[in-house]
Amino acid sequence: MPRKMLQTEPARIRRMESEISLLKQRLNALEAEVKVIDEDVHEVRPEYLKKLEEIEKTGKFYRVKSVEEMRKDIESF
């Protein structure tokens, strides 16, 4: 009989508890990383907010050819 088949019930339970504990630790670490990423993703630069407020007040809109062109315009504000 293979060695793994000879494990007793308590030994199997201890191993499962150990594996569950490890999975919980990994899940907690992943949740912490997701929280950090989520907080960062939703943060808007203050200069963007200021530019948006100005656009809303004046009602003047214009087209840009690319995201890069828009980024340069916003960052030059």
C-alpha atoms as a PDB file:
ATOM      1  CA  MET A   1       0.000   0.000   0.000  1.00  0.00           C
ATOM      2  CA  PRO A   2       1.329   3.490  -0.824  1.00  0.00           C
ATOM      3  CA  ARG A   3       2.445   5.590   2.102  1.00  0.00           C
ATOM      4  CA  LYS A   4      -0.253   8.242   1.625  1.00  0.00           C
ATOM      5  CA  MET A   5      -2.934   5.595   1.957  1.00  0.00           C
ATOM      6  CA  LEU A   6      -1.598   4.736   5.413  1.00  0.00           C
ATOM      7  CA  GLN A   7      -2.267   8.206   6.835  1.00  0.00           C
ATOM      8  CA  THR A   8      -4.604   8.152   9.765  1.00  0.00           C
ATOM      9  CA  GLU A   9      -7.795  10.171   9.883  1.00  0.00           C
ATOM     10  CA  PRO A  10      -6.376  12.694  12.418  1.00  0.00           C
ATOM     11  CA  ALA A  11      -3.269  13.162  10.268  1.00  0.00           C
ATOM     12  CA  ARG A  12      -5.428  13.905   7.222  1.00  0.00           C
ATOM     13  CA  ILE A  13      -7.495  16.379   9.220  1.00  0.00           C
ATOM     14  CA  ARG A  14      -4.356  18.161  10.492  1.00  0.00           C
ATOM     15  CA  ARG A  15      -3.005  18.378   6.958  1.00  0.00           C
ATOM     16  CA  MET A  16      -6.304  19.782   5.679  1.00  0.00           C
ATOM     17  CA  GLU A  17      -6.342  22.336   8.522  1.00  0.00           C
ATOM     18  CA  SER A  18      -2.810  23.366   7.625  1.00  0.00           C
ATOM     19  CA  GLU A  19      -3.702  23.756   3.949  1.00  0.00           C
ATOM     20  CA  ILE A  20      -6.840  25.737   4.812  1.00  0.00           C
ATOM     21  CA  SER A  21      -4.777  28.017   7.048  1.00  0.00           C
ATOM     22  CA  LEU A  22      -2.308  28.606   4.220  1.00  0.00           C
ATOM     23  CA  LEU A  23      -5.147  29.386   1.806  1.00  0.00           C
ATOM     24  CA  LYS A  24      -6.621  31.869   4.296  1.00  0.00           C
ATOM     25  CA  GLN A  25      -3.258  33.625   4.578  1.00  0.00           C
ATOM     26  CA  ARG A  26      -2.948  33.853   0.808  1.00  0.00           C
ATOM     27  CA  LEU A  27      -6.521  35.116   0.496  1.00  0.00           C
ATOM     28  CA  ASN A  28      -5.866  37.822   3.106  1.00  0.00           C
ATOM     29  CA  ALA A  29      -2.737  38.896   1.237  1.00  0.00           C
ATOM     30  CA  LEU A  30      -4.657  39.050  -2.048  1.00  0.00           C
ATOM     31  CA  GLU A  31      -7.470  41.054  -0.456  1.00  0.00           C
ATOM     32  CA  ALA A  32      -4.929  43.548   0.902  1.00  0.00           C
ATOM     33  CA  GLU A  33      -3.356  43.933  -2.561  1.00  0.00           C
ATOM     34  CA  VAL A  34      -6.750  44.400  -4.209  1.00  0.00           C
ATOM     35  CA  LYS A  35      -7.637  47.069  -1.645  1.00  0.00           C
ATOM     36  CA  VAL A  36      -4.429  48.996  -2.387  1.00  0.00           C
ATOM     37  CA  ILE A  37      -5.000  48.744  -6.142  1.00  0.00           C
ATOM     38  CA  ASP A  38      -8.661  49.727  -5.799  1.00  0.00           C
ATOM     39  CA  GLU A  39      -7.781  52.811  -3.758  1.00  0.00           C
ATOM     40  CA  ASP A  40      -5.145  53.831  -6.288  1.00  0.00           C
ATOM     41  CA  VAL A  41      -7.299  53.260  -9.362  1.00  0.00           C
ATOM     42  CA  HIS A  42     -10.060  55.561  -8.175  1.00  0.00           C
ATOM     43  CA  GLU A  43      -7.791  58.417  -7.188  1.00  0.00           C
ATOM     44  CA  VAL A  44      -8.033  61.407  -9.522  1.00  0.00           C
ATOM     45  CA  ARG A  45      -5.268  63.953  -9.809  1.00  0.00           C
ATOM     46  CA  PRO A  46      -6.253  67.336  -8.350  1.00  0.00           C
ATOM     47  CA  GLU A  47      -5.141  69.141 -11.516  1.00  0.00           C
ATOM     48  CA  TYR A  48      -7.575  67.025 -13.554  1.00  0.00           C
ATOM     49  CA  LEU A  49     -10.420  67.954 -11.237  1.00  0.00           C
ATOM     50  CA  LYS A  50      -9.498  71.627 -11.509  1.00  0.00           C
ATOM     51  CA  LYS A  51      -9.434  71.431 -15.307  1.00  0.00           C
ATOM     52  CA  LEU A  52     -12.817  69.648 -15.347  1.00  0.00           C
ATOM     53  CA  GLU A  53     -14.337  72.337 -13.128  1.00  0.00           C
ATOM     54  CA  GLU A  54     -13.060  75.009 -15.525  1.00  0.00           C
ATOM     55  CA  ILE A  55     -14.504  73.194 -18.525  1.00  0.00           C
ATOM     56  CA  GLU A  56     -17.878  72.805 -16.808  1.00  0.00           C
ATOM     57  CA  LYS A  57     -17.980  76.508 -15.890  1.00  0.00           C
ATOM     58  CA  THR A  58     -17.065  77.836 -19.324  1.00  0.00           C
ATOM     59  CA  GLY A  59     -18.968  75.239 -21.298  1.00  0.00           C
ATOM     60  CA  LYS A  60     -16.226  75.298 -23.916  1.00  0.00           C
ATOM     61  CA  PHE A  61     -15.419  71.910 -25.331  1.00  0.00           C
ATOM     62  CA  TYR A  62     -12.962  70.939 -28.021  1.00  0.00           C
ATOM     63  CA  ARG A  63     -11.860  67.798 -29.796  1.00  0.00           C
ATOM     64  CA  VAL A  64      -8.469  66.193 -29.505  1.00  0.00           C
ATOM     65  CA  LYS A  65      -6.864  63.777 -31.922  1.00  0.00           C
ATOM     66  CA  SER A  66      -5.411  61.434 -29.327  1.00  0.00           C
ATOM     67  CA  VAL A  67      -5.251  60.634 -25.659  1.00  0.00           C
ATOM     68  CA  GLU A  68      -1.660  61.846 -25.669  1.00  0.00           C
ATOM     69  CA  GLU A  69      -2.740  65.256 -27.001  1.00  0.00           C
ATOM     70  CA  MET A  70      -5.383  65.471 -24.296  1.00  0.00           C
ATOM     71  CA  ARG A  71      -2.893  64.424 -21.619  1.00  0.00           C
ATOM     72  CA  LYS A  72      -0.407  67.100 -22.717  1.00  0.00           C
ATOM     73  CA  ASP A  73      -3.124  69.743 -22.619  1.00  0.00           C
ATOM     74  CA  ILE A  74      -4.316  68.711 -19.164  1.00  0.00           C
ATOM     75  CA  GLU A  75      -0.812  68.466 -17.736  1.00  0.00           C
ATOM     76  CA  SER A  76       0.158  71.875 -19.124  1.00  0.00           C
ATOM     77  CA  PHE A  77      -2.644  73.478 -17.129  1.00  0.00           C
END
